[in-house]
C-alpha atoms as a PDB file:
ATOM      1  CA  UNK A   1     100.423  78.587 101.723  1.00  0.00           C
ATOM      2  CA  UNK A   2     101.394  80.076  98.373  1.00  0.00           C
ATOM      3  CA  UNK A   3     105.128  79.382  98.855  1.00  0.00           C
ATOM      4  CA  UNK A   4     104.390  75.679  99.322  1.00  0.00           C
ATOM      5  CA  UNK A   5     102.162  75.700  96.246  1.00  0.00           C
ATOM      6  CA  UNK A   6     104.848  77.446  94.203  1.00  0.00           C
ATOM      7  CA  UNK A   7     107.391  74.810  95.230  1.00  0.00           C
ATOM      8  CA  UNK A   8     104.988  71.965  94.361  1.00  0.00           C
ATOM      9  CA  UNK A   9     104.247  73.537  91.025  1.00  0.00           C
ATOM     10  CA  UNK A  10     107.956  73.990  90.326  1.00  0.00           C
ATOM     11  CA  UNK A  11     108.666  70.298  91.175  1.00  0.00           C
ATOM     12  CA  UNK A  12     105.809  69.164  88.912  1.00  0.00           C
ATOM     13  CA  UNK A  13     107.144  71.435  86.165  1.00  0.00           C
ATOM     14  CA  UNK A  14     110.652  69.937  86.439  1.00  0.00           C
ATOM     15  CA  UNK A  15     109.413  66.321  86.513  1.00  0.00           C
ATOM     16  CA  UNK A  16     106.978  66.688  83.627  1.00  0.00           C
ATOM     17  CA  UNK A  17     109.517  68.791  81.690  1.00  0.00           C
ATOM     18  CA  UNK A  18     112.254  66.178  82.030  1.00  0.00           C
ATOM     19  CA  UNK A  19     109.899  63.429  80.827  1.00  0.00           C
ATOM     20  CA  UNK A  20     108.672  65.646  77.959  1.00  0.00           C
ATOM     21  CA  UNK A  21     112.299  66.224  76.825  1.00  0.00           C
ATOM     22  CA  UNK A  22     113.159  62.518  77.109  1.00  0.00           C
ATOM     23  CA  UNK A  23     110.104  61.647  75.094  1.00  0.00           C
ATOM     24  CA  UNK A  24     110.712  64.302  72.448  1.00  0.00           C
ATOM     25  CA  UNK A  25     114.399  63.627  71.932  1.00  0.00           C
ATOM     26  CA  UNK A  26     114.678  59.871  72.608  1.00  0.00           C
ATOM     27  CA  UNK A  27     111.684  57.791  73.688  1.00  0.00           C
ATOM     28  CA  UNK A  28     109.470  58.776  70.804  1.00  0.00           C
ATOM     29  CA  UNK A  29     112.006  57.704  68.168  1.00  0.00           C
ATOM     30  CA  UNK A  30     112.682  54.446  70.047  1.00  0.00           C
ATOM     31  CA  UNK A  31     108.970  53.621  70.145  1.00  0.00           C
ATOM     32  CA  UNK A  32     108.671  54.282  66.413  1.00  0.00           C
ATOM     33  CA  UNK A  33     111.520  51.928  65.744  1.00  0.00           C
ATOM     34  CA  UNK A  34     109.889  49.297  67.957  1.00  0.00           C
ATOM     35  CA  UNK A  35     106.687  49.790  66.036  1.00  0.00           C
ATOM     36  CA  UNK A  36     108.397  49.265  62.698  1.00  0.00           C
ATOM     37  CA  UNK A  37     110.082  46.125  64.059  1.00  0.00           C
ATOM     38  CA  UNK A  38     106.714  44.836  65.320  1.00  0.00           C
ATOM     39  CA  UNK A  39     105.177  45.384  61.882  1.00  0.00           C
ATOM     40  CA  UNK A  40     107.980  43.411  60.269  1.00  0.00           C
ATOM     41  CA  UNK A  41     107.549  40.607  62.778  1.00  0.00           C
ATOM     42  CA  UNK A  42     103.923  40.075  61.641  1.00  0.00           C
ATOM     43  CA  UNK A  43     105.079  38.521  58.379  1.00  0.00           C
ATOM     44  CA  UNK A  44     104.306  34.883  59.251  1.00  0.00           C
ATOM     45  CA  UNK A  45     100.990  35.825  60.885  1.00  0.00           C
ATOM     46  CA  UNK A  46      99.613  37.623  57.847  1.00  0.00           C
ATOM     47  CA  UNK A  47     100.710  35.119  55.264  1.00  0.00           C
ATOM     48  CA  UNK A  48      97.779  34.203  53.120  1.00  0.00           C
ATOM     49  CA  UNK A  49      95.525  36.951  54.442  1.00  0.00           C
ATOM     50  CA  UNK A  50      93.829  39.568  52.340  1.00  0.00           C
ATOM     51  CA  UNK A  51      95.452  42.965  51.905  1.00  0.00           C
ATOM     52  CA  UNK A  52      92.973  44.728  54.206  1.00  0.00           C
ATOM     53  CA  UNK A  53      93.337  42.187  57.042  1.00  0.00           C
ATOM     54  CA  UNK A  54      97.122  42.194  56.716  1.00  0.00           C
ATOM     55  CA  UNK A  55      97.229  45.990  56.864  1.00  0.00           C
ATOM     56  CA  UNK A  56      95.020  45.987  59.969  1.00  0.00           C
ATOM     57  CA  UNK A  57      97.225  43.463  61.800  1.00  0.00           C
ATOM     58  CA  UNK A  58     100.362  45.369  60.899  1.00  0.00           C
ATOM     59  CA  UNK A  59      98.801  48.636  62.141  1.00  0.00           C
ATOM     60  CA  UNK A  60      97.645  47.037  65.425  1.00  0.00           C
ATOM     61  CA  UNK A  61     101.166  45.673  66.003  1.00  0.00           C
ATOM     62  CA  UNK A  62     102.709  49.077  65.271  1.00  0.00           C
ATOM     63  CA  UNK A  63     100.264  50.938  67.552  1.00  0.00           C
ATOM     64  CA  UNK A  64     100.842  48.502  70.423  1.00  0.00           C
ATOM     65  CA  UNK A  65     104.602  48.763  70.199  1.00  0.00           C
ATOM     66  CA  UNK A  66     104.516  52.570  69.704  1.00  0.00           C
ATOM     67  CA  UNK A  67     102.194  53.231  72.638  1.00  0.00           C
ATOM     68  CA  UNK A  68     103.780  55.316  75.352  1.00  0.00           C
ATOM     69  CA  UNK A  69     103.622  54.163  79.002  1.00  0.00           C
ATOM     70  CA  UNK A  70     100.819  55.842  80.970  1.00  0.00           C
ATOM     71  CA  UNK A  71     103.251  57.946  83.043  1.00  0.00           C
ATOM     72  CA  UNK A  72     104.868  59.330  79.879  1.00  0.00           C
ATOM     73  CA  UNK A  73     101.469  60.132  78.392  1.00  0.00           C
ATOM     74  CA  UNK A  74     100.404  62.007  81.553  1.00  0.00           C
ATOM     75  CA  UNK A  75     103.630  63.961  81.806  1.00  0.00           C
ATOM     76  CA  UNK A  76     103.673  64.904  78.111  1.00  0.00           C
ATOM     77  CA  UNK A  77     100.004  65.976  78.288  1.00  0.00           C
ATOM     78  CA  UNK A  78     100.278  68.034  81.479  1.00  0.00           C
ATOM     79  CA  UNK A  79     103.662  69.693  80.884  1.00  0.00           C
ATOM     80  CA  UNK A  80     102.366  72.523  78.610  1.00  0.00           C
ATOM     81  CA  UNK A  81      99.507  73.239  81.021  1.00  0.00           C
ATOM     82  CA  UNK A  82     101.810  73.299  84.090  1.00  0.00           C
ATOM     83  CA  UNK A  83     104.357  75.442  82.189  1.00  0.00           C
ATOM     84  CA  UNK A  84     101.628  77.983  81.280  1.00  0.00           C
ATOM     85  CA  UNK A  85     100.260  78.154  84.824  1.00  0.00           C
ATOM     86  CA  UNK A  86     103.775  78.413  86.291  1.00  0.00           C
ATOM     87  CA  UNK A  87     104.842  81.257  84.002  1.00  0.00           C
ATOM     88  CA  UNK A  88     101.523  83.127  84.431  1.00  0.00           C
ATOM     89  CA  UNK A  89     101.548  82.753  88.213  1.00  0.00           C
ATOM     90  CA  UNK A  90     105.253  83.537  88.635  1.00  0.00           C
ATOM     91  CA  UNK A  91     105.634  86.542  86.357  1.00  0.00           C
ATOM     92  CA  UNK A  92     102.197  87.990  85.426  1.00  0.00           C
ATOM     93  CA  UNK A  93      99.324  87.563  87.900  1.00  0.00           C
ATOM     94  CA  UNK A  94      98.600  85.326  90.877  1.00  0.00           C
ATOM     95  CA  UNK A  95      95.232  84.664  92.506  1.00  0.00           C
ATOM     96  CA  UNK A  96      94.687  85.031  96.271  1.00  0.00           C
ATOM     97  CA  UNK A  97      91.776  84.689  98.637  1.00  0.00           C
ATOM     98  CA  UNK A  98      91.101  87.289 101.320  1.00  0.00           C
ATOM     99  CA  UNK A  99      91.003  85.352 104.644  1.00  0.00           C
ATOM    100  CA  UNK A 100      89.906  88.082 107.087  1.00  0.00           C
ATOM    101  CA  UNK A 101      88.230  91.433 107.538  1.00  0.00           C
ATOM    102  CA  UNK A 102      91.385  93.452 108.176  1.00  0.00           C
ATOM    103  CA  UNK A 103      91.020  95.284 104.838  1.00  0.00           C
ATOM    104  CA  UNK A 104      87.355  96.160 105.205  1.00  0.00           C
ATOM    105  CA  UNK A 105      85.650  97.993 103.595  1.00  0.00           C
ATOM    106  CA  UNK A 106      87.974  97.749 100.563  1.00  0.00           C
ATOM    107  CA  UNK A 107      88.242  93.973 100.607  1.00  0.00           C
ATOM    108  CA  UNK A 108      86.139  91.499 102.532  1.00  0.00           C
ATOM    109  CA  UNK A 109      86.499  87.914 103.680  1.00  0.00           C
ATOM    110  CA  UNK A 110      85.956  85.606 100.686  1.00  0.00           C
ATOM    111  CA  UNK A 111      87.053  88.024  97.945  1.00  0.00           C
ATOM    112  CA  UNK A 112      89.150  86.250  95.301  1.00  0.00           C
ATOM    113  CA  UNK A 113      91.654  88.765  93.989  1.00  0.00           C
ATOM    114  CA  UNK A 114      94.396  89.045  91.360  1.00  0.00           C
ATOM    115  CA  UNK A 115      97.874  90.291  92.188  1.00  0.00           C
ATOM    116  CA  UNK A 116     100.176  91.959  89.689  1.00  0.00           C
ATOM    117  CA  UNK A 117     103.532  90.107  89.951  1.00  0.00           C
ATOM    118  CA  UNK A 118     105.697  92.304  87.699  1.00  0.00           C
ATOM    119  CA  UNK A 119     104.878  95.891  88.689  1.00  0.00           C
ATOM    120  CA  UNK A 120     107.618  96.057  91.349  1.00  0.00           C
ATOM    121  CA  UNK A 121     110.175  93.941  89.491  1.00  0.00           C
ATOM    122  CA  UNK A 122     110.729  90.477  88.082  1.00  0.00           C
ATOM    123  CA  UNK A 123     111.561  87.872  90.725  1.00  0.00           C
ATOM    124  CA  UNK A 124     112.766  84.328  90.336  1.00  0.00           C
ATOM    125  CA  UNK A 125     110.037  81.895  91.390  1.00  0.00           C
ATOM    126  CA  UNK A 126     110.326  79.887  94.601  1.00  0.00           C
ATOM    127  CA  UNK A 127     113.402  81.744  95.880  1.00  0.00           C
ATOM    128  CA  UNK A 128     111.719  85.136  95.196  1.00  0.00           C
ATOM    129  CA  UNK A 129     114.976  86.909  94.295  1.00  0.00           C
ATOM    130  CA  UNK A 130     114.484  90.097  92.297  1.00  0.00           C
ATOM    131  CA  UNK A 131     116.471  90.051  89.069  1.00  0.00           C
ATOM    132  CA  UNK A 132     114.906  92.997  87.214  1.00  0.00           C
ATOM    133  CA  UNK A 133     113.927  96.182  89.056  1.00  0.00           C
ATOM    134  CA  UNK A 134     110.887  97.783  87.391  1.00  0.00           C
ATOM    135  CA  UNK A 135     109.211  99.943  90.024  1.00  0.00           C
ATOM    136  CA  UNK A 136     108.610 100.435  93.742  1.00  0.00           C
ATOM    137  CA  UNK A 137     105.445 100.515  95.883  1.00  0.00           C
ATOM    138  CA  UNK A 138     103.696 103.825  96.394  1.00  0.00           C
ATOM    139  CA  UNK A 139     101.696 105.091  99.305  1.00  0.00           C
ATOM    140  CA  UNK A 140      98.171 103.786  99.038  1.00  0.00           C
ATOM    141  CA  UNK A 141      99.050 100.616  97.089  1.00  0.00           C
ATOM    142  CA  UNK A 142      97.458  97.438  98.345  1.00  0.00           C
ATOM    143  CA  UNK A 143     100.199  94.804  98.629  1.00  0.00           C
ATOM    144  CA  UNK A 144     100.332  91.071  99.130  1.00  0.00           C
ATOM    145  CA  UNK A 145     103.513  90.111 100.999  1.00  0.00           C
ATOM    146  CA  UNK A 146     105.018  87.314 102.960  1.00  0.00           C
ATOM    147  CA  UNK A 147     104.384  87.868 106.687  1.00  0.00           C
ATOM    148  CA  UNK A 148     107.761  88.820 108.217  1.00  0.00           C
ATOM    149  CA  UNK A 149     107.048  86.782 111.371  1.00  0.00           C
ATOM    150  CA  UNK A 150     106.239  83.679 109.290  1.00  0.00           C
ATOM    151  CA  UNK A 151     107.218  83.988 105.605  1.00  0.00           C
ATOM    152  CA  UNK A 152     105.144  80.927 104.727  1.00  0.00           C
ATOM    153  CA  UNK A 153     101.982  82.999 105.315  1.00  0.00           C
ATOM    154  CA  UNK A 154     100.740  85.669 102.904  1.00  0.00           C
ATOM    155  CA  UNK A 155      99.321  88.958 104.254  1.00  0.00           C
ATOM    156  CA  UNK A 156      97.563  91.805 102.486  1.00  0.00           C
ATOM    157  CA  UNK A 157      97.686  95.426 103.716  1.00  0.00           C
ATOM    158  CA  UNK A 158      97.985  98.965 102.355  1.00  0.00           C
ATOM    159  CA  UNK A 159     101.317 100.814 102.017  1.00  0.00           C
ATOM    160  CA  UNK A 160     101.325 103.739 104.472  1.00  0.00           C
ATOM    161  CA  UNK A 161     105.016 104.462 104.966  1.00  0.00           C
ATOM    162  CA  UNK A 162     107.836 104.380 102.402  1.00  0.00           C
ATOM    163  CA  UNK A 163     111.582 104.014 103.212  1.00  0.00           C
ATOM    164  CA  UNK A 164     112.684 107.031 105.232  1.00  0.00           C
ATOM    165  CA  UNK A 165     109.165 108.170 106.204  1.00  0.00           C
ATOM    166  CA  UNK A 166     108.223 109.018 109.761  1.00  0.00           C
ATOM    167  CA  UNK A 167     104.820 107.428 110.347  1.00  0.00           C
ATOM    168  CA  UNK A 168     102.808 108.405 113.406  1.00  0.00           C
ATOM    169  CA  UNK A 169      99.466 106.954 114.457  1.00  0.00           C
ATOM    170  CA  UNK A 170      98.373 108.778 117.561  1.00  0.00           C
ATOM    171  CA  UNK A 171      94.869 109.186 118.988  1.00  0.00           C
ATOM    172  CA  UNK A 172      93.502 107.440 115.881  1.00  0.00           C
ATOM    173  CA  UNK A 173      95.061 110.102 113.618  1.00  0.00           C
ATOM    174  CA  UNK A 174      97.620 109.068 110.951  1.00  0.00           C
ATOM    175  CA  UNK A 175     100.455 111.459 110.122  1.00  0.00           C
ATOM    176  CA  UNK A 176     103.286 110.983 107.623  1.00  0.00           C
ATOM    177  CA  UNK A 177     106.410 113.151 107.884  1.00  0.00           C
ATOM    178  CA  UNK A 178     104.572 115.551 110.212  1.00  0.00           C
ATOM    179  CA  UNK A 179     101.616 115.966 107.843  1.00  0.00           C
ATOM    180  CA  UNK A 180      98.221 114.699 109.015  1.00  0.00           C
ATOM    181  CA  UNK A 181      96.517 112.384 106.517  1.00  0.00           C
ATOM    182  CA  UNK A 182      93.046 113.824 105.996  1.00  0.00           C
ATOM    183  CA  UNK A 183      89.997 111.597 106.389  1.00  0.00           C
ATOM    184  CA  UNK A 184      86.356 112.578 106.017  1.00  0.00           C
ATOM    185  CA  UNK A 185      83.348 110.796 107.563  1.00  0.00           C
ATOM    186  CA  UNK A 186      81.451 108.775 104.958  1.00  0.00           C
ATOM    187  CA  UNK A 187      78.656 107.092 106.893  1.00  0.00           C
ATOM    188  CA  UNK A 188      78.622 103.854 108.824  1.00  0.00           C
ATOM    189  CA  UNK A 189      79.596 100.288 107.934  1.00  0.00           C
ATOM    190  CA  UNK A 190      78.373  97.019 109.482  1.00  0.00           C
ATOM    191  CA  UNK A 191      81.412  94.971 110.428  1.00  0.00           C
ATOM    192  CA  UNK A 192      80.527  91.248 110.373  1.00  0.00           C
ATOM    193  CA  UNK A 193      83.400  90.191 112.622  1.00  0.00           C
ATOM    194  CA  UNK A 194      82.128  92.313 115.479  1.00  0.00           C
ATOM    195  CA  UNK A 195      78.430  92.355 114.557  1.00  0.00           C
ATOM    196  CA  UNK A 196      78.321  96.103 115.019  1.00  0.00           C
ATOM    197  CA  UNK A 197      78.424  99.345 113.070  1.00  0.00           C
ATOM    198  CA  UNK A 198      81.646 101.328 112.806  1.00  0.00           C
ATOM    199  CA  UNK A 199      82.464 104.686 111.275  1.00  0.00           C
ATOM    200  CA  UNK A 200      83.495 104.701 107.609  1.00  0.00           C
ATOM    201  CA  UNK A 201      85.845 107.413 106.366  1.00  0.00           C
ATOM    202  CA  UNK A 202      87.393 108.454 103.070  1.00  0.00           C
ATOM    203  CA  UNK A 203      91.182 108.817 103.314  1.00  0.00           C
ATOM    204  CA  UNK A 204      93.690 110.227 100.857  1.00  0.00           C
ATOM    205  CA  UNK A 205      97.074 108.472 100.767  1.00  0.00           C
ATOM    206  CA  UNK A 206      99.279 109.950  98.081  1.00  0.00           C
ATOM    207  CA  UNK A 207      97.271 109.798  94.862  1.00  0.00           C
ATOM    208  CA  UNK A 208      94.954 107.086  96.213  1.00  0.00           C
ATOM    209  CA  UNK A 209      91.554 107.911  97.678  1.00  0.00           C
ATOM    210  CA  UNK A 210      90.168 104.935  99.594  1.00  0.00           C
ATOM    211  CA  UNK A 211      87.901 104.083 102.492  1.00  0.00           C
ATOM    212  CA  UNK A 212      88.837 103.032 106.010  1.00  0.00           C
ATOM    213  CA  UNK A 213      86.908 101.866 109.096  1.00  0.00           C
ATOM    214  CA  UNK A 214      87.601 103.662 112.349  1.00  0.00           C
ATOM    215  CA  UNK A 215      86.058 103.652 115.798  1.00  0.00           C
ATOM    216  CA  UNK A 216      87.387 106.797 117.447  1.00  0.00           C
ATOM    217  CA  UNK A 217      85.894 105.850 120.812  1.00  0.00           C
ATOM    218  CA  UNK A 218      87.583 102.404 120.990  1.00  0.00           C
ATOM    219  CA  UNK A 219      90.791 102.296 123.075  1.00  0.00           C
ATOM    220  CA  UNK A 220      94.085 101.567 121.347  1.00  0.00           C
ATOM    221  CA  UNK A 221      95.758  98.352 122.481  1.00  0.00           C
ATOM    222  CA  UNK A 222      99.476  97.983 121.912  1.00  0.00           C
ATOM    223  CA  UNK A 223     100.003  95.193 124.420  1.00  0.00           C
ATOM    224  CA  UNK A 224     100.865  92.455 121.890  1.00  0.00           C
ATOM    225  CA  UNK A 225     103.957  94.050 120.371  1.00  0.00           C
ATOM    226  CA  UNK A 226     106.534  91.581 118.993  1.00  0.00           C
ATOM    227  CA  UNK A 227     110.299  92.066 119.105  1.00  0.00           C
ATOM    228  CA  UNK A 228     110.774  92.673 115.406  1.00  0.00           C
ATOM    229  CA  UNK A 229     113.829  93.865 113.364  1.00  0.00           C
ATOM    230  CA  UNK A 230     114.437  97.628 113.625  1.00  0.00           C
ATOM    231  CA  UNK A 231     112.253  97.719 116.737  1.00  0.00           C
ATOM    232  CA  UNK A 232     114.408 100.666 117.918  1.00  0.00           C
ATOM    233  CA  UNK A 233     112.944 102.732 115.031  1.00  0.00           C
ATOM    234  CA  UNK A 234     109.588 102.817 116.800  1.00  0.00           C
ATOM    235  CA  UNK A 235     108.428 104.631 119.887  1.00  0.00           C
ATOM    236  CA  UNK A 236     105.275 103.388 121.618  1.00  0.00           C
ATOM    237  CA  UNK A 237     103.122 105.681 123.727  1.00  0.00           C
ATOM    238  CA  UNK A 238      99.732 105.248 125.448  1.00  0.00           C
ATOM    239  CA  UNK A 239      98.226 107.356 122.691  1.00  0.00           C
ATOM    240  CA  UNK A 240      99.868 105.590 119.755  1.00  0.00           C
ATOM    241  CA  UNK A 241     103.085 104.798 117.933  1.00  0.00           C
ATOM    242  CA  UNK A 242     105.690 106.671 115.894  1.00  0.00           C
ATOM    243  CA  UNK A 243     108.093 104.855 113.550  1.00  0.00           C
ATOM    244  CA  UNK A 244     110.855 105.774 111.142  1.00  0.00           C
ATOM    245  CA  UNK A 245     110.749 103.382 108.212  1.00  0.00           C
ATOM    246  CA  UNK A 246     114.206 101.901 107.480  1.00  0.00           C
ATOM    247  CA  UNK A 247     115.641 101.720 103.977  1.00  0.00           C
ATOM    248  CA  UNK A 248     114.333  98.812 101.881  1.00  0.00           C
ATOM    249  CA  UNK A 249     111.231  98.416 104.115  1.00  0.00           C
ATOM    250  CA  UNK A 250     107.607  99.542 104.170  1.00  0.00           C
ATOM    251  CA  UNK A 251     105.096 100.373 106.892  1.00  0.00           C
ATOM    252  CA  UNK A 252     101.762  98.583 106.238  1.00  0.00           C
ATOM    253  CA  UNK A 253      98.317  99.104 107.755  1.00  0.00           C
ATOM    254  CA  UNK A 254      94.930  97.523 107.199  1.00  0.00           C
ATOM    255  CA  UNK A 255      91.999  99.658 106.193  1.00  0.00           C
ATOM    256  CA  UNK A 256      90.028  98.273 109.158  1.00  0.00           C
ATOM    257  CA  UNK A 257      92.193 100.320 111.507  1.00  0.00           C
ATOM    258  CA  UNK A 258      90.878  98.884 114.780  1.00  0.00           C
ATOM    259  CA  UNK A 259      90.800  95.302 113.634  1.00  0.00           C
ATOM    260  CA  UNK A 260      94.086  94.757 111.756  1.00  0.00           C
ATOM    261  CA  UNK A 261      97.301  93.080 112.868  1.00  0.00           C
ATOM    262  CA  UNK A 262      99.822  95.152 110.900  1.00  0.00           C
ATOM    263  CA  UNK A 263     103.099  97.054 111.065  1.00  0.00           C
ATOM    264  CA  UNK A 264     102.038  98.724 114.298  1.00  0.00           C
ATOM    265  CA  UNK A 265     102.384  95.354 115.989  1.00  0.00           C
ATOM    266  CA  UNK A 266     104.975  93.277 114.080  1.00  0.00           C
ATOM    267  CA  UNK A 267     107.110  95.848 112.319  1.00  0.00           C
ATOM    268  CA  UNK A 268     108.235  96.611 108.800  1.00  0.00           C
ATOM    269  CA  UNK A 269     107.919  94.631 105.559  1.00  0.00           C
ATOM    270  CA  UNK A 270     111.247  94.183 103.700  1.00  0.00           C
ATOM    271  CA  UNK A 271     111.242  94.608  99.954  1.00  0.00           C
ATOM    272  CA  UNK A 272     112.207  90.982  99.397  1.00  0.00           C
ATOM    273  CA  UNK A 273     108.940  89.867 101.073  1.00  0.00           C
ATOM    274  CA  UNK A 274     106.722  91.649  98.539  1.00  0.00           C
ATOM    275  CA  UNK A 275     104.651  89.377  96.306  1.00  0.00           C
ATOM    276  CA  UNK A 276     102.841  92.022  94.264  1.00  0.00           C
ATOM    277  CA  UNK A 277     100.099  94.664  94.054  1.00  0.00           C
ATOM    278  CA  UNK A 278      96.498  93.560  94.471  1.00  0.00           C
ATOM    279  CA  UNK A 279      94.312  95.271  91.845  1.00  0.00           C
ATOM    280  CA  UNK A 280      91.175  93.251  90.922  1.00  0.00           C
ATOM    281  CA  UNK A 281      88.414  91.196  92.564  1.00  0.00           C
ATOM    282  CA  UNK A 282      87.650  88.415  90.110  1.00  0.00           C
ATOM    283  CA  UNK A 283      85.034  86.601  92.213  1.00  0.00           C
ATOM    284  CA  UNK A 284      83.199  86.503  95.517  1.00  0.00           C
ATOM    285  CA  UNK A 285      80.813  83.577  95.587  1.00  0.00           C
ATOM    286  CA  UNK A 286      78.732  85.128  98.378  1.00  0.00           C
ATOM    287  CA  UNK A 287      78.484  88.486  96.616  1.00  0.00           C
ATOM    288  CA  UNK A 288      79.217  88.331  92.843  1.00  0.00           C
ATOM    289  CA  UNK A 289      78.472  92.046  92.444  1.00  0.00           C
ATOM    290  CA  UNK A 290      81.841  92.798  94.059  1.00  0.00           C
ATOM    291  CA  UNK A 291      83.711  91.757  90.897  1.00  0.00           C
ATOM    292  CA  UNK A 292      85.873  94.598  89.646  1.00  0.00           C
ATOM    293  CA  UNK A 293      88.837  96.822  90.422  1.00  0.00           C
ATOM    294  CA  UNK A 294      89.423  98.653  93.719  1.00  0.00           C
ATOM    295  CA  UNK A 295      91.629 101.316  95.274  1.00  0.00           C
END
């Protein structure tokens, strides 16, 4: 879980940072003084020795007394690396792995992606409190967010509804504020999770043109609906669901429309749960050709 990793990274940063500061401002000078004292204490041992041998013994005594304990060496060595990773991961980009096929055909199981952490505002790490508001999600953006039912789990879906929107998904047709979202058939796609072919369509959400998977013959199943916040904003029917998105929240759906556990089932995503916008596939070890950007 990314939250657990962020907390572990923060603890490591604090521990190594404290040791680095102690070493820089106090321990280092104390070791040097101990080294000088150790050199001075070699006087009787080097009496009568040649200059080269005496210098070697003095240097060995200094190095031994000046040597940092192993735990100080490790902390001082790793602190800059941990600081860099922490800052990069907290404020610039964060890597994630796609764990399921709910975003097919855009993203598939095993894709390693990068997430922009600053596009929607600067947030304090670990507590994820927004301190600088830069922008807001748009329809069609692919977002990583903390699952509202269990914030320790990260989910990835596409933004369909913005605050105030009326989102309707009825008879496999998506409408936003009374306007049907157009989608055009674009061939078939083999879905590994179900070992079968399903219809592939091109959909236009706002300024974003992307592909979705849709089986228009498969029945809609809204049996497993949770009792989520603002549940009263949604109306469920045998043919679908209609929701009014509350302020400060977003309605999310997977591109694999018939195989995605999303806002239709567990409700809205609050702004404070947003991690960032997914924008790049940096590796898929099973299919390296997938490296690149996506919509």
